Amino acid sequence: MRVPYSFLTLCLVLVSTACAQEKIIFEEDFNADTLNMEVWNYEEGNGCPDLCGWGNNEKQIYNRDYIALEDGKLVITAEKKGDTYYSGKINSKDNVEFTYGVIEVKAKLATGKGIWPAIWMLGADISEVGWPASGEIDILEYIGREPGIVFTSLHTPASHGNTINTKKTKIADIEEGYHTYKAVWTPDYIKFL
């Protein structure tokens, strides 16, 4: 069964490749003063009581106050106050869905020990079937304890959600400036660039 995916982070451009000619079907440049709430949803709290730690044993509490738009950029801040960590998280669940295409995201990585920024997509049916049955496509994961490395991964029911379908790519100076991360998703393959 082909399930459409929802963006769960910072999508800039989504290109449909269903036709021989590519066309942009969604683009977000974050040039407004506030998030477009017809596209984006805030995820807040710590996931409890249903999914404490958001399923990843995450320590931070998400709050919309840690998300800002500045000069055409989405800025997500992480902060430690006392023994509590805070950050921001948005998704496009129920607002932007698609099956197959080219996804491009221009982003600058947060760095530091304990940091794990990610840009990913989940199946639009996650509320009905749960994870990993919904599937997950990780366009980018960066783990602070492994500098200079970018992870791209697929989480599927066949792997019981474990990250067996992952690739580590060493990229010199990946922590410096903005880079474009790309996923090409077709009926036959998913390719990351």
Foldseek 3Di string as FASTA:
>chain_A
DFFWKWWWAFFAWWWDPPDVDIDTPDGAQLPDFDDDVLFKDWDFAQCPDPCGNVVPVPQATEDCVQWGRDPRDTGWDWDDDPNHIYITTMIRAPRDIDTFTKTKGKDADDEDAPDKDWTKIWGSCCVPPNPPCRKMWTLWIDHRVDPQKTKTAIAHVVVVRDGPGMDIDGDPPSNPDIDMWMWGHDPVDIDID
